[in-house]
Amino acid sequence: MREKIWNEATPAERRLAGLAVNPAAPDRLLLRILAEGPPAARMALCGDRDLSVPVVDALVSHSDPRARAVFASSPHADPVQRARLVDDPEWLVRAHLAEGPSRRLVTWPRPLPDEVVVHMFTTYENELLGNLYRQTSPGLRRRMPTHPEAKVRRAGVGNWSALSAHVRAALLADPDPGVREGASSYVRNEDPSWVERELPDHSCHARTHLLMHCALSRAVIDSVLTAPAGKEDRAMIAHNPSLPPDVVVLLAGDNDPHVRETIAGRTDLGSSERAALAVDPDPEVRLTLSVHPALTESERAAIDYTVPEGGDFGPQPAWPRDPAVVRLNALSGHPLLRRRAAADHNLPPDLVALLAADADHGVRVTLAQNHPDAPAALLLGSFLEYTGHHRADLLTRPHFPTVGLAAHAEHEDPAVRALVARDPEADPELVERLTRDPDPAVRAALTRHPNLPAARLAELLGDEELAPHAAANPALDPALMEELVETTC
């Protein structure tokens, strides 16, 4: 929707869209853009910045459902303000609210208020609820299986494996038939006879799910071992927690290294099998085995494994972790275990300091991406080193530095040169020079710098490529702001 609107916008409308995200633009002008501006400017205003309460007040009752929808899923908006659209009359708006900010922009968004999430579970169509869990607070997720509202309990059943026997029994006897059916489906998954009856005889998603996650009868296991429906069947049952010990032993010696690799990660692996897999000819098998929780540090060190240099080191959810295990991993000689520890959002200060100086690139970047107190030097160093998919997420961390970034103006990497735009002390002459950089992203970033000389800023308002960024510059003359609104609205 937004891409189409932008592609159809005129240069003047795109320039006004830049003004709509200018942090120095007064509410008076933002309200004018919201009320009278072209669609491209409204979309930018509603989706690409935070908004004051008066502007949100006007937005939630705006006649354009597209504008409300964009705000409903904005990563910049306070969830409490987004939640004001919970009962919007347009399905499109409610769908955007339930979907939340794009996964491309926010891995784990700030949660909506608990009472709003409950209201959505109890009043929204089921088709809209698939991603609502991402926007549910940890506290509500824990309470869902015992919540007074039946539809909330239905959603809470999905955490079956983590529920106590008492809560499971209550859900199986729940007065709501939907809750009972949801709970019963998990019980059926634990019934080998039912799984045997329901197991498709051909490769498909349902067969994969049953073989990997549900209780398997001996007849099903034997059929996979002797006459699999697909070449991945053995690897699938190798994941299954119900696999009996003799089959674990058998698959530890399977001809397929993928099967052996899966078996190597099982916590119920016997000592003899661990010893055999530690010297497996396949490097991936040895690597998987090397992080087995039953191994001592000396046993790990004796394994010939290689940890890949690269990786997609991005933000991870703040799942509860055992502090004792986290500390043990942080002190391990194995980089993969230290990477696991580095992902803990509650890592204590002594371990933050230790892992920030770790020799492993993956440990340092994982810590930078996930810990709220990751130090500035670590964040900048990680950005300079890491070029993976989640690199830009580092710029959102609270302690990412600003002062001194102008020192990187000559860096060969355009993304690093663009950091100069974050330095409030960057020399105006340098800023102006970088608005002529060969890379378009660098030109755009520096055009927004408030130290850009006024003459160059005014010049760029007439440049079709950079005009939207010039209009977004907070140093833009208020009189020019007024003029842009008057000539385009």
Protein backbone atom coordinates (compact mmCIF):
# COMPACT_ATOMS: atom_id res chain seq x y z
CA MET A 1 0.00 0.00 0.00
CA ARG A 2 2.64 2.53 1.06
CA GLU A 3 4.98 1.64 -1.78
CA LYS A 4 2.25 2.26 -4.35
CA ILE A 5 1.34 5.60 -2.78
CA TRP A 6 4.99 6.68 -2.76
CA ASN A 7 5.58 5.64 -6.36
CA GLU A 8 2.57 7.67 -7.46
CA ALA A 9 3.56 10.79 -5.49
CA THR A 10 4.90 13.91 -7.20
CA PRO A 11 8.30 15.37 -6.20
CA ALA A 12 6.52 18.10 -4.23
CA GLU A 13 4.42 15.53 -2.37
CA ARG A 14 7.53 13.51 -1.51
CA ARG A 15 9.21 16.66 -0.23
CA LEU A 16 6.22 17.30 2.04
CA ALA A 17 6.52 13.70 3.25
CA GLY A 18 10.03 14.61 4.37
CA LEU A 19 8.70 17.57 6.32
CA ALA A 20 6.13 15.27 7.92
CA VAL A 21 8.93 13.39 9.70
CA ASN A 22 10.99 16.47 10.55
CA PRO A 23 11.47 16.36 14.36
CA ALA A 24 11.41 20.18 14.49
CA ALA A 25 8.12 20.56 12.63
CA PRO A 26 5.52 22.01 15.01
CA ASP A 27 2.29 20.17 15.74
CA ARG A 28 0.40 22.95 13.99
CA LEU A 29 2.00 22.01 10.67
CA LEU A 30 1.75 18.28 11.33
CA LEU A 31 -1.98 18.65 11.95
CA ARG A 32 -2.30 20.56 8.69
CA ILE A 33 -0.44 17.82 6.81
CA LEU A 34 -2.65 15.19 8.43
CA ALA A 35 -5.83 17.04 7.54
CA GLU A 36 -4.98 18.38 4.08
CA GLY A 37 -1.75 16.79 2.90
CA PRO A 38 -1.39 14.27 0.08
CA PRO A 39 -1.42 10.53 0.90
CA ALA A 40 2.38 10.15 0.72
CA ALA A 41 2.85 12.81 3.40
CA ARG A 42 0.13 11.33 5.62
CA MET A 43 1.68 7.87 5.36
CA ALA A 44 5.09 9.20 6.39
CA LEU A 45 3.57 11.17 9.27
CA CYS A 46 1.63 8.18 10.58
CA GLY A 47 4.26 5.49 10.13
CA ASP A 48 7.76 6.95 10.29
CA ARG A 49 7.93 8.99 13.49
CA ASP A 50 6.61 9.31 17.02
CA LEU A 51 3.69 11.69 17.45
CA SER A 52 2.45 13.97 20.20
CA VAL A 53 -0.88 13.30 21.87
CA PRO A 54 -2.69 16.15 20.02
CA VAL A 55 -1.64 14.71 16.65
CA VAL A 56 -2.64 11.19 17.70
CA ASP A 57 -6.00 12.58 18.88
CA ALA A 58 -6.61 13.88 15.37
CA LEU A 59 -5.24 10.77 13.70
CA VAL A 60 -7.42 8.16 15.42
CA SER A 61 -10.54 9.84 14.04
CA HIS A 62 -9.10 10.65 10.61
CA SER A 63 -11.29 9.76 7.66
CA ASP A 64 -8.51 7.92 5.77
CA PRO A 65 -8.38 4.31 7.01
CA ARG A 66 -5.00 3.86 5.32
CA ALA A 67 -3.48 6.50 7.58
CA ARG A 68 -4.99 4.87 10.67
CA ALA A 69 -3.77 1.46 9.51
CA VAL A 70 -0.21 2.66 9.03
CA PHE A 71 -0.20 4.18 12.52
CA ALA A 72 -1.70 1.00 13.98
CA SER A 73 1.44 -0.94 13.01
CA SER A 74 4.02 1.83 13.37
CA PRO A 75 7.24 0.76 15.13
CA HIS A 76 7.69 4.36 16.33
CA ALA A 77 4.33 4.71 18.05
CA ASP A 78 3.75 4.09 21.73
CA PRO A 79 1.73 0.86 22.04
CA VAL A 80 -0.73 2.65 24.32
CA GLN A 81 -1.44 5.14 21.52
CA ARG A 82 -1.67 2.41 18.86
CA ALA A 83 -4.13 0.61 21.11
CA ARG A 84 -6.59 3.48 20.75
CA LEU A 85 -7.49 1.95 17.38
CA VAL A 86 -8.47 -1.40 18.89
CA ASP A 87 -12.15 -0.96 18.00
CA ASP A 88 -11.65 0.85 14.71
CA PRO A 89 -14.62 0.25 12.37
CA GLU A 90 -12.32 -0.70 9.45
CA TRP A 91 -11.06 -4.30 9.24
CA LEU A 92 -7.84 -3.03 7.62
CA VAL A 93 -6.96 -0.96 10.68
CA ARG A 94 -7.69 -3.77 13.14
CA ALA A 95 -5.63 -6.16 11.00
CA HIS A 96 -2.63 -3.82 11.10
CA LEU A 97 -2.94 -3.42 14.86
CA ALA A 98 -3.04 -7.19 15.36
CA GLU A 99 -0.13 -7.73 12.96
CA GLY A 100 2.02 -5.14 14.71
CA PRO A 101 5.28 -3.64 13.47
CA SER A 102 6.92 -5.51 10.61
CA ARG A 103 9.39 -8.24 11.52
CA ARG A 104 11.79 -6.54 9.11
CA LEU A 105 11.81 -3.49 11.38
CA VAL A 106 11.27 -4.89 14.88
CA THR A 107 12.10 -8.45 15.90
CA TRP A 108 10.11 -8.31 19.14
CA PRO A 109 7.87 -5.21 19.45
CA ARG A 110 6.90 -3.44 22.64
CA PRO A 111 3.78 -5.19 23.99
CA LEU A 112 0.31 -3.75 23.77
CA PRO A 113 -1.46 -3.15 27.10
CA ASP A 114 -2.70 -6.43 28.61
CA GLU A 115 -6.33 -5.34 28.69
CA VAL A 116 -6.18 -4.45 25.00
CA VAL A 117 -4.71 -7.82 24.05
CA VAL A 118 -7.45 -9.57 26.04
CA HIS A 119 -10.06 -7.46 24.28
CA MET A 120 -8.59 -8.42 20.90
CA PHE A 121 -8.55 -12.12 21.74
CA THR A 122 -12.20 -11.96 22.78
CA THR A 123 -13.57 -9.78 19.96
CA TYR A 124 -11.33 -10.13 16.88
CA GLU A 125 -11.75 -12.68 14.14
CA ASN A 126 -9.44 -15.67 14.55
CA GLU A 127 -7.70 -14.87 11.26
CA LEU A 128 -6.29 -11.68 12.80
CA LEU A 129 -4.80 -13.27 15.91
CA GLY A 130 -1.87 -15.20 14.43
CA ASN A 131 0.80 -12.61 15.31
CA LEU A 132 -0.78 -11.12 18.42
CA TYR A 133 1.44 -13.31 20.63
CA ARG A 134 4.44 -11.14 19.57
CA GLN A 135 2.71 -8.14 21.12
CA THR A 136 1.65 -9.88 24.34
CA SER A 137 3.54 -9.11 27.54
CA PRO A 138 5.41 -11.97 29.26
CA GLY A 139 3.16 -11.61 32.29
CA LEU A 140 -0.02 -12.05 30.29
CA ARG A 141 1.48 -14.99 28.38
CA ARG A 142 2.05 -16.73 31.72
CA ARG A 143 -1.50 -16.00 32.88
CA MET A 144 -3.28 -16.96 29.67
CA PRO A 145 -3.92 -20.66 30.49
CA THR A 146 -5.80 -19.67 33.67
CA HIS A 147 -7.38 -16.42 32.46
CA PRO A 148 -11.10 -15.82 33.19
CA GLU A 149 -11.83 -15.32 29.47
CA ALA A 150 -12.26 -18.59 27.60
CA LYS A 151 -10.80 -17.30 24.32
CA VAL A 152 -7.67 -16.22 26.15
CA ARG A 153 -7.39 -19.66 27.75
CA ARG A 154 -7.73 -21.18 24.26
CA ALA A 155 -4.69 -19.24 23.16
CA GLY A 156 -2.86 -20.16 26.37
CA VAL A 157 -3.22 -23.86 25.62
CA GLY A 158 -0.54 -23.41 22.98
CA ASN A 159 2.13 -23.32 25.70
CA TRP A 160 1.17 -26.87 26.73
CA SER A 161 4.67 -28.25 27.19
CA ALA A 162 5.47 -25.61 29.85
CA LEU A 163 2.24 -26.05 31.83
CA SER A 164 2.02 -27.83 35.17
CA ALA A 165 0.01 -31.02 35.57
CA HIS A 166 -2.56 -29.09 37.61
CA VAL A 167 -3.11 -26.47 34.90
CA ARG A 168 -3.25 -29.13 32.19
CA ALA A 169 -5.94 -31.01 34.13
CA ALA A 170 -7.96 -27.82 34.54
CA LEU A 171 -7.79 -27.10 30.81
CA LEU A 172 -8.89 -30.63 29.95
CA ALA A 173 -11.93 -30.13 32.20
CA ASP A 174 -12.56 -26.52 31.17
CA PRO A 175 -16.23 -25.49 30.82
CA ASP A 176 -15.48 -24.07 27.37
CA PRO A 177 -15.55 -26.73 24.63
CA GLY A 178 -12.93 -24.88 22.56
CA VAL A 179 -10.48 -24.91 25.45
CA ARG A 180 -11.14 -28.60 26.11
CA GLU A 181 -10.64 -29.44 22.43
CA GLY A 182 -7.37 -27.50 22.31
CA ALA A 183 -6.07 -29.27 25.40
CA SER A 184 -7.28 -32.64 24.15
CA SER A 185 -5.36 -32.18 20.92
CA TYR A 186 -2.12 -32.02 22.89
CA VAL A 187 -3.09 -35.11 24.87
CA ARG A 188 -3.73 -36.93 21.60
CA ASN A 189 -0.26 -35.94 20.48
CA GLU A 190 1.02 -37.84 23.52
CA ASP A 191 -0.93 -40.99 22.60
CA PRO A 192 1.20 -43.29 20.40
CA SER A 193 -1.87 -45.22 19.23
CA TRP A 194 -3.59 -42.06 18.01
CA VAL A 195 -0.41 -40.86 16.27
CA GLU A 196 -0.07 -44.25 14.57
CA ARG A 197 -3.65 -44.06 13.28
CA GLU A 198 -3.33 -40.48 12.05
CA LEU A 199 0.16 -40.63 10.54
CA PRO A 200 0.00 -40.00 6.76
CA ASP A 201 1.83 -42.63 4.69
CA HIS A 202 3.39 -39.98 2.43
CA SER A 203 5.71 -37.03 2.98
CA CYS A 204 3.76 -33.93 4.02
CA HIS A 205 3.64 -31.27 6.71
CA ALA A 206 1.37 -33.35 8.97
CA ARG A 207 3.72 -36.35 8.81
CA THR A 208 6.70 -34.13 9.60
CA HIS A 209 4.94 -32.66 12.65
CA LEU A 210 3.89 -36.05 14.02
CA LEU A 211 7.28 -37.68 13.51
CA MET A 212 9.20 -34.79 15.08
CA HIS A 213 7.00 -33.79 18.00
CA CYS A 214 4.42 -36.43 18.95
CA ALA A 215 4.59 -39.72 20.87
CA LEU A 216 5.63 -42.53 18.55
CA SER A 217 4.66 -46.18 18.83
CA ARG A 218 7.24 -48.88 18.22
CA ALA A 219 5.41 -49.81 15.04
CA VAL A 220 5.79 -46.27 13.67
CA ILE A 221 9.47 -46.15 14.62
CA ASP A 222 10.13 -49.52 12.98
CA SER A 223 8.33 -48.46 9.83
CA VAL A 224 10.54 -45.38 9.59
CA LEU A 225 13.66 -47.48 10.13
CA THR A 226 12.72 -50.12 7.56
CA ALA A 227 10.47 -48.37 5.03
CA PRO A 228 10.59 -44.56 5.37
CA ALA A 229 8.20 -42.49 3.28
CA GLY A 230 10.93 -39.94 2.59
CA LYS A 231 14.67 -39.59 2.98
CA GLU A 232 14.24 -37.15 5.90
CA ASP A 233 12.08 -39.48 8.03
CA ARG A 234 15.02 -40.75 10.11
CA ALA A 235 16.23 -37.22 10.80
CA MET A 236 12.68 -36.30 11.85
CA ILE A 237 12.35 -39.04 14.46
CA ALA A 238 15.90 -38.23 15.63
CA HIS A 239 14.38 -34.96 16.96
CA ASN A 240 11.54 -36.72 18.76
CA PRO A 241 11.75 -36.67 22.58
CA SER A 242 9.82 -39.97 22.81
CA LEU A 243 12.51 -41.94 20.97
CA PRO A 244 13.52 -45.02 23.04
CA PRO A 245 17.18 -45.39 24.09
CA ASP A 246 17.94 -48.31 21.77
CA VAL A 247 16.85 -46.30 18.74
CA VAL A 248 18.94 -43.32 19.89
CA VAL A 249 21.91 -45.70 19.96
CA LEU A 250 21.02 -47.06 16.53
CA LEU A 251 20.65 -43.64 14.91
CA ALA A 252 23.89 -42.43 16.45
CA GLY A 253 25.56 -44.78 13.98
CA ASP A 254 23.33 -43.93 11.00
CA ASN A 255 24.93 -43.57 7.58
CA ASP A 256 23.34 -40.14 7.09
CA PRO A 257 25.43 -37.40 8.80
CA HIS A 258 22.30 -35.23 9.08
CA VAL A 259 20.71 -37.91 11.27
CA ARG A 260 23.85 -38.22 13.39
CA GLU A 261 24.03 -34.44 13.74
CA THR A 262 20.45 -34.36 15.06
CA ILE A 263 21.14 -37.19 17.47
CA ALA A 264 24.28 -35.42 18.70
CA GLY A 265 22.11 -32.63 20.09
CA ARG A 266 19.91 -34.88 22.22
CA THR A 267 20.28 -34.46 25.97
CA ASP A 268 19.53 -38.18 26.53
CA LEU A 269 22.56 -39.26 24.50
CA GLY A 270 24.58 -41.96 26.28
CA SER A 271 28.27 -41.64 27.11
CA SER A 272 29.32 -44.27 24.54
CA GLU A 273 27.43 -42.47 21.79
CA ARG A 274 28.89 -39.13 22.87
CA ALA A 275 32.36 -40.59 22.67
CA ALA A 276 31.73 -41.99 19.18
CA LEU A 277 30.16 -38.79 17.82
CA ALA A 278 33.00 -36.70 19.28
CA VAL A 279 35.28 -38.25 16.63
CA ASP A 280 32.67 -38.46 13.88
CA PRO A 281 34.09 -37.91 10.37
CA ASP A 282 31.53 -35.16 9.70
CA PRO A 283 32.53 -31.72 11.09
CA GLU A 284 28.91 -30.63 11.65
CA VAL A 285 28.26 -33.67 13.82
CA ARG A 286 31.37 -32.94 15.90
CA LEU A 287 30.38 -29.29 16.26
CA THR A 288 26.88 -30.17 17.46
CA LEU A 289 28.23 -32.71 19.93
CA SER A 290 30.80 -30.24 21.24
CA VAL A 291 28.13 -28.16 23.01
CA HIS A 292 26.40 -31.14 24.64
CA PRO A 293 25.49 -30.22 28.23
CA ALA A 294 26.87 -33.48 29.64
CA LEU A 295 30.43 -32.77 28.48
CA THR A 296 33.11 -31.31 30.71
CA GLU A 297 35.21 -28.42 29.47
CA SER A 298 38.16 -30.74 28.93
CA GLU A 299 36.00 -33.11 26.90
CA ARG A 300 34.81 -30.22 24.74
CA ALA A 301 38.36 -29.03 24.19
CA ALA A 302 39.39 -32.51 23.03
CA ILE A 303 36.89 -32.43 20.13
CA ASP A 304 38.11 -31.27 16.74
CA TYR A 305 35.41 -28.70 15.92
CA THR A 306 35.35 -25.46 13.97
CA VAL A 307 32.95 -22.63 14.79
CA PRO A 308 31.84 -20.73 11.67
CA GLU A 309 33.13 -17.16 11.60
CA GLY A 310 29.99 -15.60 10.17
CA GLY A 311 26.40 -15.78 11.31
CA ASP A 312 23.15 -13.87 11.58
CA PHE A 313 23.73 -12.34 14.99
CA GLY A 314 20.51 -10.45 15.66
CA PRO A 315 18.23 -9.48 18.55
CA GLN A 316 16.61 -12.36 20.44
CA PRO A 317 13.52 -12.44 22.69
CA ALA A 318 14.04 -11.98 26.41
CA TRP A 319 13.21 -15.56 27.35
CA PRO A 320 13.76 -16.57 31.01
CA ARG A 321 17.08 -18.39 31.40
CA ASP A 322 18.69 -20.25 34.30
CA PRO A 323 21.30 -17.82 35.70
CA ALA A 324 23.56 -20.72 36.76
CA VAL A 325 23.55 -22.18 33.24
CA VAL A 326 24.11 -18.74 31.72
CA ARG A 327 27.15 -18.18 33.94
CA LEU A 328 28.53 -21.62 33.15
CA ASN A 329 28.15 -20.92 29.43
CA ALA A 330 29.71 -17.47 29.72
CA LEU A 331 32.80 -18.98 31.34
CA SER A 332 33.07 -21.83 28.84
CA GLY A 333 35.93 -22.18 26.43
CA HIS A 334 33.42 -22.91 23.65
CA PRO A 335 32.41 -19.87 21.57
CA LEU A 336 28.92 -21.22 20.81
CA LEU A 337 28.12 -21.55 24.50
CA ARG A 338 29.45 -18.07 25.16
CA ARG A 339 27.23 -16.81 22.32
CA ARG A 340 24.24 -18.38 24.07
CA ALA A 341 25.15 -16.58 27.27
CA ALA A 342 25.66 -13.30 25.43
CA ALA A 343 22.02 -13.37 24.26
CA ASP A 344 20.72 -13.16 27.84
CA HIS A 345 19.12 -9.75 28.42
CA ASN A 346 19.68 -10.07 32.19
CA LEU A 347 23.39 -10.90 32.07
CA PRO A 348 25.04 -9.45 35.21
CA PRO A 349 27.63 -6.65 34.90
CA ASP A 350 30.69 -8.84 35.48
CA LEU A 351 29.71 -11.13 32.62
CA VAL A 352 28.83 -8.19 30.37
CA ALA A 353 32.35 -6.86 30.89
CA LEU A 354 33.86 -10.30 30.29
CA LEU A 355 31.95 -11.05 27.08
CA ALA A 356 32.37 -7.53 25.71
CA ALA A 357 36.08 -8.31 25.49
CA ASP A 358 35.59 -11.82 24.12
CA ALA A 359 37.87 -12.96 21.31
CA ASP A 360 34.91 -14.33 19.34
CA HIS A 361 33.18 -11.95 16.94
CA GLY A 362 29.83 -13.71 17.37
CA VAL A 363 29.94 -13.36 21.15
CA ARG A 364 30.61 -9.63 20.99
CA VAL A 365 27.95 -8.89 18.39
CA THR A 366 25.34 -11.06 20.14
CA LEU A 367 25.98 -9.20 23.39
CA ALA A 368 25.76 -5.85 21.60
CA GLN A 369 22.46 -6.80 19.98
CA ASN A 370 20.75 -8.04 23.13
CA HIS A 371 21.97 -6.50 26.37
CA PRO A 372 20.37 -3.18 27.39
CA ASP A 373 23.65 -2.05 28.99
CA ALA A 374 25.94 -3.00 26.11
CA PRO A 375 28.71 -0.35 26.25
CA ALA A 376 29.16 2.24 23.53
CA ALA A 377 32.59 0.98 22.44
CA LEU A 378 31.20 -2.53 21.97
CA LEU A 379 28.25 -1.26 19.93
CA LEU A 380 30.41 0.80 17.60
CA GLY A 381 33.00 -1.96 17.27
CA SER A 382 30.29 -4.48 16.46
CA PHE A 383 28.83 -2.21 13.79
CA LEU A 384 32.25 -1.79 12.21
CA GLU A 385 32.87 -5.56 12.19
CA TYR A 386 29.45 -7.03 11.49
CA THR A 387 27.82 -6.72 8.07
CA GLY A 388 25.02 -9.27 8.51
CA HIS A 389 21.28 -8.94 8.10
CA HIS A 390 20.67 -7.33 11.53
CA ARG A 391 23.47 -4.76 11.37
CA ALA A 392 21.12 -1.77 11.46
CA ASP A 393 19.56 -3.05 14.69
CA LEU A 394 22.77 -2.06 16.48
CA LEU A 395 21.97 1.59 15.75
CA THR A 396 18.80 1.29 17.86
CA ARG A 397 20.63 0.18 21.02
CA PRO A 398 20.39 2.79 23.80
CA HIS A 399 24.12 3.41 24.24
CA PHE A 400 25.20 3.58 20.61
CA PRO A 401 27.66 6.50 20.51
CA THR A 402 27.26 9.73 18.61
CA VAL A 403 30.16 12.09 19.37
CA GLY A 404 33.28 11.21 17.45
CA LEU A 405 31.62 9.39 14.57
CA ALA A 406 32.85 12.04 12.12
CA ALA A 407 36.20 10.27 12.31
CA HIS A 408 34.78 7.60 10.00
CA ALA A 409 34.02 9.98 7.13
CA GLU A 410 36.65 8.38 4.88
CA HIS A 411 35.72 4.76 5.59
CA GLU A 412 35.38 2.54 2.53
CA ASP A 413 32.05 1.13 3.76
CA PRO A 414 29.15 3.52 2.94
CA ALA A 415 27.20 2.34 5.99
CA VAL A 416 30.09 3.45 8.20
CA ARG A 417 30.45 6.80 6.42
CA ALA A 418 26.75 7.35 7.02
CA LEU A 419 27.44 7.23 10.78
CA VAL A 420 28.74 10.78 10.47
CA ALA A 421 25.09 11.85 10.26
CA ARG A 422 24.70 10.78 13.92
CA ASP A 423 27.57 12.96 15.18
CA PRO A 424 26.20 16.28 16.51
CA GLU A 425 29.70 17.80 16.35
CA ALA A 426 30.40 16.98 12.70
CA ASP A 427 32.01 19.89 10.87
CA PRO A 428 29.56 21.71 8.55
CA GLU A 429 32.05 21.56 5.69
CA LEU A 430 32.38 17.80 6.10
CA VAL A 431 28.60 17.40 6.25
CA GLU A 432 28.20 19.38 3.04
CA ARG A 433 30.87 17.31 1.29
CA LEU A 434 29.15 14.06 2.22
CA THR A 435 25.89 15.25 0.68
CA ARG A 436 27.81 14.69 -2.58
CA ASP A 437 29.03 11.22 -1.60
CA PRO A 438 28.86 8.58 -4.36
CA ASP A 439 26.56 6.44 -2.21
CA PRO A 440 22.88 7.51 -2.17
CA ALA A 441 22.30 6.37 1.42
CA VAL A 442 25.21 8.49 2.64
CA ARG A 443 23.92 11.50 0.71
CA ALA A 444 20.46 11.04 2.18
CA ALA A 445 21.69 10.64 5.77
CA LEU A 446 23.94 13.70 5.68
CA THR A 447 21.27 15.83 4.04
CA ARG A 448 19.31 15.42 7.28
CA HIS A 449 22.22 16.61 9.47
CA PRO A 450 21.39 19.86 11.33
CA ASN A 451 24.94 21.15 10.77
CA LEU A 452 24.43 21.26 7.00
CA PRO A 453 25.03 24.87 5.87
CA ALA A 454 21.77 26.71 5.23
CA ALA A 455 22.65 27.55 1.63
CA ARG A 456 23.27 23.91 0.75
CA LEU A 457 20.12 22.84 2.61
CA ALA A 458 18.01 25.32 0.63
CA GLU A 459 19.65 24.12 -2.57
CA LEU A 460 18.81 20.50 -1.84
CA LEU A 461 15.13 21.34 -1.36
CA GLY A 462 15.09 21.62 -5.14
CA ASP A 463 16.95 18.36 -5.74
CA GLU A 464 14.46 15.62 -6.68
CA GLU A 465 16.50 12.86 -5.04
CA LEU A 466 17.39 14.62 -1.79
CA ALA A 467 14.49 17.04 -1.32
CA PRO A 468 12.54 14.72 1.05
CA HIS A 469 15.64 14.42 3.25
CA ALA A 470 16.31 18.15 3.13
CA ALA A 471 12.74 18.78 4.24
CA ALA A 472 13.30 16.39 7.16
CA ASN A 473 16.32 18.35 8.39
CA PRO A 474 15.55 19.84 11.85
CA ALA A 475 17.59 22.95 11.00
CA LEU A 476 15.21 23.87 8.18
CA ASP A 477 14.07 27.47 8.42
CA PRO A 478 10.55 27.58 9.95
CA ALA A 479 9.53 29.97 7.18
CA LEU A 480 10.49 27.34 4.59
CA MET A 481 8.48 24.78 6.51
CA GLU A 482 5.45 27.04 6.28
CA GLU A 483 6.05 27.57 2.57
CA LEU A 484 6.26 23.83 1.86
CA VAL A 485 2.93 23.27 3.57
CA GLU A 486 1.23 26.19 1.88
CA THR A 487 2.37 25.20 -1.61
CA THR A 488 1.54 21.48 -1.32
CA CYS A 489 -1.49 21.16 0.92
